[in-house]
Amino acid sequence: ANMCFLLASQAVLPAVTKPAAILSEAGALVVAAVLVTSSFILLPRRH
């Protein structure tokens, strides 16, 4: 949560303020997380 907040917050100046760009960047992280975590959940490591 902390790492993704820092990565997605883009706390810099000047800031990007267009909602479409902000939502796209947030969506990119969510898509990546859903793809990776669901793969490990659905295909668990077989010890």
PDB file of all heavy atoms in Angstrom:
ATOM      1  N   ALA A   1       0.835  -1.209   0.000  1.00  0.00           N
ATOM      2  CA  ALA A   1       0.000   0.000   0.000  1.00  0.00           C
ATOM      3  C   ALA A   1       0.870   1.260   0.000  1.00  0.00           C
ATOM      4  O   ALA A   1       0.637   2.191  -0.773  1.00  0.00           O
ATOM      5  CB  ALA A   1      -0.926  -0.003   1.213  1.00  0.00           C
ATOM      6  N   ASN A   2       1.887   1.292   0.846  1.00  0.00           N
ATOM      7  CA  ASN A   2       2.754   2.456   0.915  1.00  0.00           C
ATOM      8  C   ASN A   2       3.576   2.627  -0.360  1.00  0.00           C
ATOM      9  O   ASN A   2       3.734   3.747  -0.867  1.00  0.00           O
ATOM     10  CB  ASN A   2       3.688   2.348   2.121  1.00  0.00           C
ATOM     11  CG  ASN A   2       2.963   2.577   3.435  1.00  0.00           C
ATOM     12  OD1 ASN A   2       2.152   3.486   3.544  1.00  0.00           O
ATOM     13  ND2 ASN A   2       3.235   1.758   4.433  1.00  0.00           N
ATOM     14  N   MET A   3       4.099   1.534  -0.879  1.00  0.00           N
ATOM     15  CA  MET A   3       4.907   1.616  -2.091  1.00  0.00           C
ATOM     16  C   MET A   3       4.055   2.086  -3.270  1.00  0.00           C
ATOM     17  O   MET A   3       4.487   2.939  -4.062  1.00  0.00           O
ATOM     18  CB  MET A   3       5.539   0.256  -2.390  1.00  0.00           C
ATOM     19  CG  MET A   3       6.432  -0.277  -1.283  1.00  0.00           C
ATOM     20  SD  MET A   3       7.955   0.667  -1.059  1.00  0.00           S
ATOM     21  CE  MET A   3       8.994  -0.098  -2.274  1.00  0.00           C
ATOM     22  N   CYS A   4       2.860   1.532  -3.404  1.00  0.00           N
ATOM     23  CA  CYS A   4       2.002   1.908  -4.536  1.00  0.00           C
ATOM     24  C   CYS A   4       1.436   3.320  -4.374  1.00  0.00           C
ATOM     25  O   CYS A   4       1.205   4.003  -5.374  1.00  0.00           O
ATOM     26  CB  CYS A   4       0.875   0.890  -4.698  1.00  0.00           C
ATOM     27  SG  CYS A   4       1.443  -0.671  -5.398  1.00  0.00           S
ATOM     28  N   PHE A   5       1.221   3.747  -3.139  1.00  0.00           N
ATOM     29  CA  PHE A   5       0.801   5.140  -2.956  1.00  0.00           C
ATOM     30  C   PHE A   5       1.872   6.086  -3.485  1.00  0.00           C
ATOM     31  O   PHE A   5       1.590   7.030  -4.232  1.00  0.00           O
ATOM     32  CB  PHE A   5       0.520   5.445  -1.489  1.00  0.00           C
ATOM     33  CG  PHE A   5       0.406   6.919  -1.216  1.00  0.00           C
ATOM     34  CD1 PHE A   5      -0.730   7.624  -1.584  1.00  0.00           C
ATOM     35  CD2 PHE A   5       1.468   7.623  -0.635  1.00  0.00           C
ATOM     36  CE1 PHE A   5      -0.818   8.996  -1.374  1.00  0.00           C
ATOM     37  CE2 PHE A   5       1.380   8.990  -0.416  1.00  0.00           C
ATOM     38  CZ  PHE A   5       0.229   9.673  -0.786  1.00  0.00           C
ATOM     39  N   LEU A   6       3.126   5.824  -3.105  1.00  0.00           N
ATOM     40  CA  LEU A   6       4.206   6.694  -3.557  1.00  0.00           C
ATOM     41  C   LEU A   6       4.375   6.632  -5.073  1.00  0.00           C
ATOM     42  O   LEU A   6       4.605   7.651  -5.730  1.00  0.00           O
ATOM     43  CB  LEU A   6       5.511   6.303  -2.859  1.00  0.00           C
ATOM     44  CG  LEU A   6       5.561   6.609  -1.358  1.00  0.00           C
ATOM     45  CD1 LEU A   6       6.728   5.907  -0.702  1.00  0.00           C
ATOM     46  CD2 LEU A   6       5.647   8.110  -1.121  1.00  0.00           C
ATOM     47  N   LEU A   7       4.261   5.430  -5.623  1.00  0.00           N
ATOM     48  CA  LEU A   7       4.441   5.267  -7.065  1.00  0.00           C
ATOM     49  C   LEU A   7       3.304   5.906  -7.848  1.00  0.00           C
ATOM     50  O   LEU A   7       3.527   6.542  -8.885  1.00  0.00           O
ATOM     51  CB  LEU A   7       4.546   3.770  -7.394  1.00  0.00           C
ATOM     52  CG  LEU A   7       5.060   3.397  -8.776  1.00  0.00           C
ATOM     53  CD1 LEU A   7       6.455   3.945  -9.003  1.00  0.00           C
ATOM     54  CD2 LEU A   7       5.058   1.877  -8.936  1.00  0.00           C
ATOM     55  N   ALA A   8       2.074   5.743  -7.369  1.00  0.00           N
ATOM     56  CA  ALA A   8       0.912   6.255  -8.104  1.00  0.00           C
ATOM     57  C   ALA A   8       0.595   7.700  -7.784  1.00  0.00           C
ATOM     58  O   ALA A   8      -0.089   8.372  -8.565  1.00  0.00           O
ATOM     59  CB  ALA A   8      -0.318   5.388  -7.796  1.00  0.00           C
ATOM     60  N   SER A   9       1.082   8.217  -6.661  1.00  0.00           N
ATOM     61  CA  SER A   9       0.753   9.593  -6.296  1.00  0.00           C
ATOM     62  C   SER A   9       1.471  10.603  -7.173  1.00  0.00           C
ATOM     63  O   SER A   9       0.986  11.726  -7.362  1.00  0.00           O
ATOM     64  CB  SER A   9       1.114   9.849  -4.832  1.00  0.00           C
ATOM     65  OG  SER A   9       2.524   9.796  -4.659  1.00  0.00           O
ATOM     66  N   GLN A  10       2.664  10.186  -7.705  1.00  0.00           N
ATOM     67  CA  GLN A  10       3.433  11.106  -8.556  1.00  0.00           C
ATOM     68  C   GLN A  10       3.554  12.474  -7.875  1.00  0.00           C
ATOM     69  O   GLN A  10       3.217  13.514  -8.448  1.00  0.00           O
ATOM     70  CB  GLN A  10       2.776  11.249  -9.924  1.00  0.00           C
ATOM     71  CG  GLN A  10       2.675   9.958 -10.716  1.00  0.00           C
ATOM     72  CD  GLN A  10       4.015   9.463 -11.219  1.00  0.00           C
ATOM     73  OE1 GLN A  10       4.718  10.156 -11.929  1.00  0.00           O
ATOM     74  NE2 GLN A  10       4.375   8.255 -10.826  1.00  0.00           N
ATOM     75  N   ALA A  11       4.031  12.452  -6.644  1.00  0.00           N
ATOM     76  CA  ALA A  11       4.118  13.679  -5.849  1.00  0.00           C
ATOM     77  C   ALA A  11       5.289  14.525  -6.314  1.00  0.00           C
ATOM     78  O   ALA A  11       6.371  14.545  -5.707  1.00  0.00           O
ATOM     79  CB  ALA A  11       4.257  13.328  -4.370  1.00  0.00           C
ATOM     80  N   VAL A  12       5.077  15.214  -7.433  1.00  0.00           N
ATOM     81  CA  VAL A  12       6.108  16.073  -8.017  1.00  0.00           C
ATOM     82  C   VAL A  12       5.461  17.393  -8.436  1.00  0.00           C
ATOM     83  O   VAL A  12       4.241  17.512  -8.487  1.00  0.00           O
ATOM     84  CB  VAL A  12       6.769  15.406  -9.240  1.00  0.00           C
ATOM     85  CG1 VAL A  12       7.519  14.148  -8.824  1.00  0.00           C
ATOM     86  CG2 VAL A  12       5.732  15.088 -10.305  1.00  0.00           C
ATOM     87  N   LEU A  13       6.322  18.345  -8.738  1.00  0.00           N
ATOM     88  CA  LEU A  13       5.880  19.636  -9.283  1.00  0.00           C
ATOM     89  C   LEU A  13       6.607  19.888 -10.598  1.00  0.00           C
ATOM     90  O   LEU A  13       7.822  19.650 -10.687  1.00  0.00           O
ATOM     91  CB  LEU A  13       6.184  20.768  -8.295  1.00  0.00           C
ATOM     92  CG  LEU A  13       5.370  20.775  -6.998  1.00  0.00           C
ATOM     93  CD1 LEU A  13       5.869  21.904  -6.089  1.00  0.00           C
ATOM     94  CD2 LEU A  13       3.889  20.940  -7.284  1.00  0.00           C
ATOM     95  N   PRO A  14       5.913  20.330 -11.631  1.00  0.00           N
ATOM     96  CA  PRO A  14       4.450  20.526 -11.692  1.00  0.00           C
ATOM     97  C   PRO A  14       3.731  19.196 -11.804  1.00  0.00           C
ATOM     98  O   PRO A  14       4.256  18.226 -12.356  1.00  0.00           O
ATOM     99  CB  PRO A  14       4.278  21.365 -12.957  1.00  0.00           C
ATOM    100  CG  PRO A  14       5.429  20.961 -13.822  1.00  0.00           C
ATOM    101  CD  PRO A  14       6.586  20.714 -12.894  1.00  0.00           C
ATOM    102  N   ALA A  15       2.529  19.138 -11.261  1.00  0.00           N
ATOM    103  CA  ALA A  15       1.770  17.894 -11.215  1.00  0.00           C
ATOM    104  C   ALA A  15       0.891  17.748 -12.453  1.00  0.00           C
ATOM    105  O   ALA A  15       0.443  18.728 -13.041  1.00  0.00           O
ATOM    106  CB  ALA A  15       0.898  17.865  -9.967  1.00  0.00           C
ATOM    107  N   VAL A  16       0.656  16.477 -12.815  1.00  0.00           N
ATOM    108  CA  VAL A  16      -0.320  16.170 -13.865  1.00  0.00           C
ATOM    109  C   VAL A  16      -1.706  16.234 -13.227  1.00  0.00           C
ATOM    110  O   VAL A  16      -1.978  15.539 -12.245  1.00  0.00           O
ATOM    111  CB  VAL A  16      -0.067  14.775 -14.460  1.00  0.00           C
ATOM    112  CG1 VAL A  16      -1.165  14.413 -15.454  1.00  0.00           C
ATOM    113  CG2 VAL A  16       1.296  14.722 -15.121  1.00  0.00           C
ATOM    114  N   THR A  17      -2.580  17.062 -13.771  1.00  0.00           N
ATOM    115  CA  THR A  17      -3.896  17.269 -13.148  1.00  0.00           C
ATOM    116  C   THR A  17      -5.043  16.744 -13.989  1.00  0.00           C
ATOM    117  O   THR A  17      -6.192  16.834 -13.560  1.00  0.00           O
ATOM    118  CB  THR A  17      -4.116  18.765 -12.877  1.00  0.00           C
ATOM    119  OG1 THR A  17      -3.986  19.485 -14.123  1.00  0.00           O
ATOM    120  CG2 THR A  17      -3.093  19.293 -11.881  1.00  0.00           C
ATOM    121  N   LYS A  18      -4.772  16.210 -15.174  1.00  0.00           N
ATOM    122  CA  LYS A  18      -5.841  15.685 -16.010  1.00  0.00           C
ATOM    123  C   LYS A  18      -6.380  14.388 -15.421  1.00  0.00           C
ATOM    124  O   LYS A  18      -5.625  13.416 -15.267  1.00  0.00           O
ATOM    125  CB  LYS A  18      -5.333  15.451 -17.427  1.00  0.00           C
ATOM    126  CG  LYS A  18      -4.946  16.723 -18.160  1.00  0.00           C
ATOM    127  CD  LYS A  18      -4.470  16.404 -19.576  1.00  0.00           C
ATOM    128  CE  LYS A  18      -4.091  17.683 -20.314  1.00  0.00           C
ATOM    129  NZ  LYS A  18      -3.615  17.398 -21.694  1.00  0.00           N
ATOM    130  N   PRO A  19      -7.673  14.346 -15.076  1.00  0.00           N
ATOM    131  CA  PRO A  19      -8.231  13.127 -14.459  1.00  0.00           C
ATOM    132  C   PRO A  19      -8.036  11.879 -15.316  1.00  0.00           C
ATOM    133  O   PRO A  19      -7.797  10.785 -14.781  1.00  0.00           O
ATOM    134  CB  PRO A  19      -9.709  13.465 -14.284  1.00  0.00           C
ATOM    135  CG  PRO A  19      -9.740  14.960 -14.206  1.00  0.00           C
ATOM    136  CD  PRO A  19      -8.662  15.433 -15.125  1.00  0.00           C
ATOM    137  N   ALA A  20      -8.135  12.016 -16.634  1.00  0.00           N
ATOM    138  CA  ALA A  20      -7.988  10.848 -17.499  1.00  0.00           C
ATOM    139  C   ALA A  20      -6.601  10.237 -17.363  1.00  0.00           C
ATOM    140  O   ALA A  20      -6.444   9.006 -17.278  1.00  0.00           O
ATOM    141  CB  ALA A  20      -8.261  11.235 -18.955  1.00  0.00           C
ATOM    142  N   ALA A  21      -5.568  11.082 -17.346  1.00  0.00           N
ATOM    143  CA  ALA A  21      -4.198  10.580 -17.203  1.00  0.00           C
ATOM    144  C   ALA A  21      -3.982   9.953 -15.827  1.00  0.00           C
ATOM    145  O   ALA A  21      -3.333   8.906 -15.689  1.00  0.00           O
ATOM    146  CB  ALA A  21      -3.216  11.724 -17.438  1.00  0.00           C
ATOM    147  N   ILE A  22      -4.543  10.594 -14.806  1.00  0.00           N
ATOM    148  CA  ILE A  22      -4.398  10.079 -13.438  1.00  0.00           C
ATOM    149  C   ILE A  22      -5.060   8.708 -13.308  1.00  0.00           C
ATOM    150  O   ILE A  22      -4.476   7.764 -12.750  1.00  0.00           O
ATOM    151  CB  ILE A  22      -5.001  11.078 -12.431  1.00  0.00           C
ATOM    152  CG1 ILE A  22      -4.176  12.365 -12.414  1.00  0.00           C
ATOM    153  CG2 ILE A  22      -5.068  10.460 -11.037  1.00  0.00           C
ATOM    154  CD1 ILE A  22      -4.788  13.470 -11.590  1.00  0.00           C
ATOM    155  N   LEU A  23      -6.260   8.576 -13.827  1.00  0.00           N
ATOM    156  CA  LEU A  23      -6.975   7.302 -13.749  1.00  0.00           C
ATOM    157  C   LEU A  23      -6.278   6.223 -14.573  1.00  0.00           C
ATOM    158  O   LEU A  23      -6.255   5.048 -14.183  1.00  0.00           O
ATOM    159  CB  LEU A  23      -8.420   7.482 -14.218  1.00  0.00           C
ATOM    160  CG  LEU A  23      -9.313   8.328 -13.301  1.00  0.00           C
ATOM    161  CD1 LEU A  23     -10.664   8.578 -13.959  1.00  0.00           C
ATOM    162  CD2 LEU A  23      -9.505   7.634 -11.949  1.00  0.00           C
ATOM    163  N   SER A  24      -5.696   6.616 -15.706  1.00  0.00           N
ATOM    164  CA  SER A  24      -4.988   5.643 -16.536  1.00  0.00           C
ATOM    165  C   SER A  24      -3.770   5.085 -15.812  1.00  0.00           C
ATOM    166  O   SER A  24      -3.508   3.873 -15.839  1.00  0.00           O
ATOM    167  CB  SER A  24      -4.555   6.291 -17.855  1.00  0.00           C
ATOM    168  OG  SER A  24      -5.670   6.644 -18.628  1.00  0.00           O
ATOM    169  N   GLU A  25      -3.007   5.954 -15.161  1.00  0.00           N
ATOM    170  CA  GLU A  25      -1.821   5.495 -14.427  1.00  0.00           C
ATOM    171  C   GLU A  25      -2.219   4.589 -13.266  1.00  0.00           C
ATOM    172  O   GLU A  25      -1.582   3.558 -13.015  1.00  0.00           O
ATOM    173  CB  GLU A  25      -1.028   6.697 -13.930  1.00  0.00           C
ATOM    174  CG  GLU A  25      -0.368   7.485 -15.054  1.00  0.00           C
ATOM    175  CD  GLU A  25       0.300   8.734 -14.553  1.00  0.00           C
ATOM    176  OE1 GLU A  25       0.202   9.014 -13.328  1.00  0.00           O
ATOM    177  OE2 GLU A  25       0.925   9.447 -15.358  1.00  0.00           O
ATOM    178  N   ALA A  26      -3.269   4.970 -12.546  1.00  0.00           N
ATOM    179  CA  ALA A  26      -3.746   4.128 -11.444  1.00  0.00           C
ATOM    180  C   ALA A  26      -4.237   2.788 -11.974  1.00  0.00           C
ATOM    181  O   ALA A  26      -3.956   1.726 -11.392  1.00  0.00           O
ATOM    182  CB  ALA A  26      -4.863   4.835 -10.684  1.00  0.00           C
ATOM    183  N   GLY A  27      -4.967   2.824 -13.084  1.00  0.00           N
ATOM    184  CA  GLY A  27      -5.464   1.594 -13.679  1.00  0.00           C
ATOM    185  C   GLY A  27      -4.354   0.676 -14.132  1.00  0.00           C
ATOM    186  O   GLY A  27      -4.487  -0.564 -14.053  1.00  0.00           O
ATOM    187  N   ALA A  28      -3.252   1.244 -14.618  1.00  0.00           N
ATOM    188  CA  ALA A  28      -2.129   0.413 -15.060  1.00  0.00           C
ATOM    189  C   ALA A  28      -1.570  -0.405 -13.906  1.00  0.00           C
ATOM    190  O   ALA A  28      -1.281  -1.608 -14.054  1.00  0.00           O
ATOM    191  CB  ALA A  28      -1.039   1.298 -15.661  1.00  0.00           C
ATOM    192  N   LEU A  29      -1.402   0.217 -12.738  1.00  0.00           N
ATOM    193  CA  LEU A  29      -0.902  -0.515 -11.570  1.00  0.00           C
ATOM    194  C   LEU A  29      -1.891  -1.587 -11.120  1.00  0.00           C
ATOM    195  O   LEU A  29      -1.497  -2.708 -10.763  1.00  0.00           O
ATOM    196  CB  LEU A  29      -0.628   0.450 -10.425  1.00  0.00           C
ATOM    197  CG  LEU A  29       0.755   1.081 -10.358  1.00  0.00           C
ATOM    198  CD1 LEU A  29       0.850   2.001  -9.150  1.00  0.00           C
ATOM    199  CD2 LEU A  29       1.839   0.016 -10.290  1.00  0.00           C
ATOM    200  N   VAL A  30      -3.171  -1.248 -11.115  1.00  0.00           N
ATOM    201  CA  VAL A  30      -4.192  -2.211 -10.681  1.00  0.00           C
ATOM    202  C   VAL A  30      -4.237  -3.404 -11.626  1.00  0.00           C
ATOM    203  O   VAL A  30      -4.301  -4.564 -11.190  1.00  0.00           O
ATOM    204  CB  VAL A  30      -5.571  -1.530 -10.593  1.00  0.00           C
ATOM    205  CG1 VAL A  30      -6.663  -2.575 -10.354  1.00  0.00           C
ATOM    206  CG2 VAL A  30      -5.574  -0.499  -9.470  1.00  0.00           C
ATOM    207  N   VAL A  31      -4.191  -3.147 -12.930  1.00  0.00           N
ATOM    208  CA  VAL A  31      -4.201  -4.242 -13.904  1.00  0.00           C
ATOM    209  C   VAL A  31      -3.004  -5.159 -13.677  1.00  0.00           C
ATOM    210  O   VAL A  31      -3.134  -6.401 -13.679  1.00  0.00           O
ATOM    211  CB  VAL A  31      -4.200  -3.685 -15.347  1.00  0.00           C
ATOM    212  CG1 VAL A  31      -3.897  -4.787 -16.354  1.00  0.00           C
ATOM    213  CG2 VAL A  31      -5.546  -3.053 -15.655  1.00  0.00           C
ATOM    214  N   ALA A  32      -1.823  -4.576 -13.499  1.00  0.00           N
ATOM    215  CA  ALA A  32      -0.626  -5.385 -13.262  1.00  0.00           C
ATOM    216  C   ALA A  32      -0.770  -6.224 -12.000  1.00  0.00           C
ATOM    217  O   ALA A  32      -0.434  -7.421 -11.983  1.00  0.00           O
ATOM    218  CB  ALA A  32       0.597  -4.475 -13.158  1.00  0.00           C
ATOM    219  N   ALA A  33      -1.280  -5.609 -10.926  1.00  0.00           N
ATOM    220  CA  ALA A  33      -1.435  -6.338  -9.664  1.00  0.00           C
ATOM    221  C   ALA A  33      -2.450  -7.463  -9.785  1.00  0.00           C
ATOM    222  O   ALA A  33      -2.231  -8.571  -9.285  1.00  0.00           O
ATOM    223  CB  ALA A  33      -1.852  -5.374  -8.551  1.00  0.00           C
ATOM    224  N   VAL A  34      -3.579  -7.188 -10.455  1.00  0.00           N
ATOM    225  CA  VAL A  34      -4.612  -8.218 -10.601  1.00  0.00           C
ATOM    226  C   VAL A  34      -4.088  -9.392 -11.421  1.00  0.00           C
ATOM    227  O   VAL A  34      -4.295 -10.566 -11.072  1.00  0.00           O
ATOM    228  CB  VAL A  34      -5.876  -7.617 -11.262  1.00  0.00           C
ATOM    229  CG1 VAL A  34      -6.849  -8.719 -11.660  1.00  0.00           C
ATOM    230  CG2 VAL A  34      -6.553  -6.637 -10.314  1.00  0.00           C
ATOM    231  N   LEU A  35      -3.386  -9.098 -12.517  1.00  0.00           N
ATOM    232  CA  LEU A  35      -2.853 -10.169 -13.367  1.00  0.00           C
ATOM    233  C   LEU A  35      -1.878 -11.056 -12.600  1.00  0.00           C
ATOM    234  O   LEU A  35      -1.957 -12.290 -12.643  1.00  0.00           O
ATOM    235  CB  LEU A  35      -2.168  -9.567 -14.594  1.00  0.00           C
ATOM    236  CG  LEU A  35      -3.069  -9.000 -15.693  1.00  0.00           C
ATOM    237  CD1 LEU A  35      -2.235  -8.325 -16.780  1.00  0.00           C
ATOM    238  CD2 LEU A  35      -3.932 -10.102 -16.293  1.00  0.00           C
ATOM    239  N   VAL A  36      -0.949 -10.425 -11.887  1.00  0.00           N
ATOM    240  CA  VAL A  36       0.099 -11.196 -11.210  1.00  0.00           C
ATOM    241  C   VAL A  36      -0.449 -11.947 -10.000  1.00  0.00           C
ATOM    242  O   VAL A  36      -0.225 -13.149  -9.842  1.00  0.00           O
ATOM    243  CB  VAL A  36       1.260 -10.269 -10.795  1.00  0.00           C
ATOM    244  CG1 VAL A  36       2.278 -11.049  -9.966  1.00  0.00           C
ATOM    245  CG2 VAL A  36       1.935  -9.678 -12.029  1.00  0.00           C
ATOM    246  N   THR A  37      -1.177 -11.244  -9.134  1.00  0.00           N
ATOM    247  CA  THR A  37      -1.649 -11.903  -7.914  1.00  0.00           C
ATOM    248  C   THR A  37      -2.667 -13.000  -8.216  1.00  0.00           C
ATOM    249  O   THR A  37      -2.636 -14.067  -7.583  1.00  0.00           O
ATOM    250  CB  THR A  37      -2.276 -10.872  -6.954  1.00  0.00           C
ATOM    251  OG1 THR A  37      -3.333 -10.172  -7.624  1.00  0.00           O
ATOM    252  CG2 THR A  37      -1.234  -9.875  -6.476  1.00  0.00           C
ATOM    253  N   SER A  38      -3.551 -12.770  -9.166  1.00  0.00           N
ATOM    254  CA  SER A  38      -4.534 -13.812  -9.495  1.00  0.00           C
ATOM    255  C   SER A  38      -3.850 -15.044 -10.080  1.00  0.00           C
ATOM    256  O   SER A  38      -4.291 -16.178  -9.843  1.00  0.00           O
ATOM    257  CB  SER A  38      -5.577 -13.268 -10.476  1.00  0.00           C
ATOM    258  OG  SER A  38      -4.972 -12.849 -11.687  1.00  0.00           O
ATOM    259  N   SER A  39      -2.761 -14.843 -10.829  1.00  0.00           N
ATOM    260  CA  SER A  39      -2.025 -15.987 -11.376  1.00  0.00           C
ATOM    261  C   SER A  39      -1.444 -16.847 -10.262  1.00  0.00           C
ATOM    262  O   SER A  39      -1.520 -18.081 -10.301  1.00  0.00           O
ATOM    263  CB  SER A  39      -0.910 -15.496 -12.305  1.00  0.00           C
ATOM    264  OG  SER A  39      -1.440 -14.791 -13.410  1.00  0.00           O
ATOM    265  N   PHE A  40      -0.867 -16.197  -9.248  1.00  0.00           N
ATOM    266  CA  PHE A  40      -0.284 -16.965  -8.146  1.00  0.00           C
ATOM    267  C   PHE A  40      -1.361 -17.604  -7.276  1.00  0.00           C
ATOM    268  O   PHE A  40      -1.126 -18.667  -6.688  1.00  0.00           O
ATOM    269  CB  PHE A  40       0.609 -16.063  -7.292  1.00  0.00           C
ATOM    270  CG  PHE A  40       1.986 -15.858  -7.857  1.00  0.00           C
ATOM    271  CD1 PHE A  40       2.263 -14.767  -8.659  1.00  0.00           C
ATOM    272  CD2 PHE A  40       2.993 -16.768  -7.611  1.00  0.00           C
ATOM    273  CE1 PHE A  40       3.522 -14.575  -9.195  1.00  0.00           C
ATOM    274  CE2 PHE A  40       4.253 -16.594  -8.141  1.00  0.00           C
ATOM    275  CZ  PHE A  40       4.531 -15.490  -8.937  1.00  0.00           C
ATOM    276  N   ILE A  41      -2.525 -16.973  -7.178  1.00  0.00           N
ATOM    277  CA  ILE A  41      -3.611 -17.557  -6.381  1.00  0.00           C
ATOM    278  C   ILE A  41      -4.233 -18.759  -7.108  1.00  0.00           C
ATOM    279  O   ILE A  41      -4.478 -19.811  -6.507  1.00  0.00           O
ATOM    280  CB  ILE A  41      -4.681 -16.490  -6.083  1.00  0.00           C
ATOM    281  CG1 ILE A  41      -4.118 -15.418  -5.158  1.00  0.00           C
ATOM    282  CG2 ILE A  41      -5.920 -17.126  -5.445  1.00  0.00           C
ATOM    283  CD1 ILE A  41      -5.028 -14.208  -4.977  1.00  0.00           C
ATOM    284  N   LEU A  42      -4.473 -18.599  -8.410  1.00  0.00           N
ATOM    285  CA  LEU A  42      -5.121 -19.660  -9.180  1.00  0.00           C
ATOM    286  C   LEU A  42      -4.163 -20.798  -9.502  1.00  0.00           C
ATOM    287  O   LEU A  42      -4.594 -21.945  -9.685  1.00  0.00           O
ATOM    288  CB  LEU A  42      -5.697 -19.086 -10.477  1.00  0.00           C
ATOM    289  CG  LEU A  42      -6.809 -18.045 -10.303  1.00  0.00           C
ATOM    290  CD1 LEU A  42      -7.204 -17.455 -11.645  1.00  0.00           C
ATOM    291  CD2 LEU A  42      -8.019 -18.680  -9.622  1.00  0.00           C
ATOM    292  N   LEU A  43      -2.877 -20.499  -9.580  1.00  0.00           N
ATOM    293  CA  LEU A  43      -1.863 -21.521  -9.871  1.00  0.00           C
ATOM    294  C   LEU A  43      -0.847 -21.532  -8.731  1.00  0.00           C
ATOM    295  O   LEU A  43       0.280 -21.053  -8.875  1.00  0.00           O
ATOM    296  CB  LEU A  43      -1.167 -21.238 -11.202  1.00  0.00           C
ATOM    297  CG  LEU A  43      -2.068 -21.226 -12.441  1.00  0.00           C
ATOM    298  CD1 LEU A  43      -1.305 -20.725 -13.647  1.00  0.00           C
ATOM    299  CD2 LEU A  43      -2.628 -22.633 -12.704  1.00  0.00           C
ATOM    300  N   PRO A  44      -1.239 -22.040  -7.569  1.00  0.00           N
ATOM    301  CA  PRO A  44      -0.364 -21.973  -6.398  1.00  0.00           C
ATOM    302  C   PRO A  44       0.893 -22.812  -6.574  1.00  0.00           C
ATOM    303  O   PRO A  44       0.919 -23.774  -7.342  1.00  0.00           O
ATOM    304  CB  PRO A  44      -1.244 -22.530  -5.268  1.00  0.00           C
ATOM    305  CG  PRO A  44      -2.220 -23.413  -5.959  1.00  0.00           C
ATOM    306  CD  PRO A  44      -2.488 -22.770  -7.281  1.00  0.00           C
ATOM    307  N   ARG A  45       1.929 -22.415  -5.861  1.00  0.00           N
ATOM    308  CA  ARG A  45       3.182 -23.178  -5.886  1.00  0.00           C
ATOM    309  C   ARG A  45       2.960 -24.536  -5.244  1.00  0.00           C
ATOM    310  O   ARG A  45       2.391 -24.643  -4.167  1.00  0.00           O
ATOM    311  CB  ARG A  45       4.283 -22.408  -5.160  1.00  0.00           C
ATOM    312  CG  ARG A  45       5.632 -23.120  -5.147  1.00  0.00           C
ATOM    313  CD  ARG A  45       6.718 -22.175  -4.697  1.00  0.00           C
ATOM    314  NE  ARG A  45       6.914 -21.123  -5.679  1.00  0.00           N
ATOM    315  CZ  ARG A  45       7.529 -19.967  -5.425  1.00  0.00           C
ATOM    316  NH1 ARG A  45       7.963 -19.721  -4.205  1.00  0.00           N
ATOM    317  NH2 ARG A  45       7.688 -19.073  -6.371  1.00  0.00           N
ATOM    318  N   ARG A  46       3.424 -25.583  -5.921  1.00  0.00           N
ATOM    319  CA  ARG A  46       3.211 -26.953  -5.458  1.00  0.00           C
ATOM    320  C   ARG A  46       4.471 -27.453  -4.752  1.00  0.00           C
ATOM    321  O   ARG A  46       5.387 -27.992  -5.378  1.00  0.00           O
ATOM    322  CB  ARG A  46       2.875 -27.843  -6.647  1.00  0.00           C
ATOM    323  CG  ARG A  46       1.561 -27.503  -7.352  1.00  0.00           C
ATOM    324  CD  ARG A  46       0.363 -27.894  -6.494  1.00  0.00           C
ATOM    325  NE  ARG A  46       0.380 -29.302  -6.161  1.00  0.00           N
ATOM    326  CZ  ARG A  46      -0.082 -30.262  -6.974  1.00  0.00           C
ATOM    327  NH1 ARG A  46      -0.618 -29.936  -8.143  1.00  0.00           N
ATOM    328  NH2 ARG A  46      -0.042 -31.525  -6.614  1.00  0.00           N
ATOM    329  N   HIS A  47       4.509 -27.283  -3.437  1.00  0.00           N
ATOM    330  CA  HIS A  47       5.675 -27.755  -2.702  1.00  0.00           C
ATOM    331  C   HIS A  47       5.723 -29.278  -2.643  1.00  0.00           C
ATOM    332  O   HIS A  47       6.799 -29.838  -2.417  1.00  0.00           O
ATOM    333  CB  HIS A  47       5.688 -27.161  -1.294  1.00  0.00           C
ATOM    334  CG  HIS A  47       6.197 -25.756  -1.251  1.00  0.00           C
ATOM    335  ND1 HIS A  47       7.531 -25.439  -1.351  1.00  0.00           N
ATOM    336  CD2 HIS A  47       5.547 -24.567  -1.162  1.00  0.00           C
ATOM    337  CE1 HIS A  47       7.682 -24.131  -1.293  1.00  0.00           C
ATOM    338  NE2 HIS A  47       6.502 -23.573  -1.182  1.00  0.00           N
TER     339      HIS A  47
END
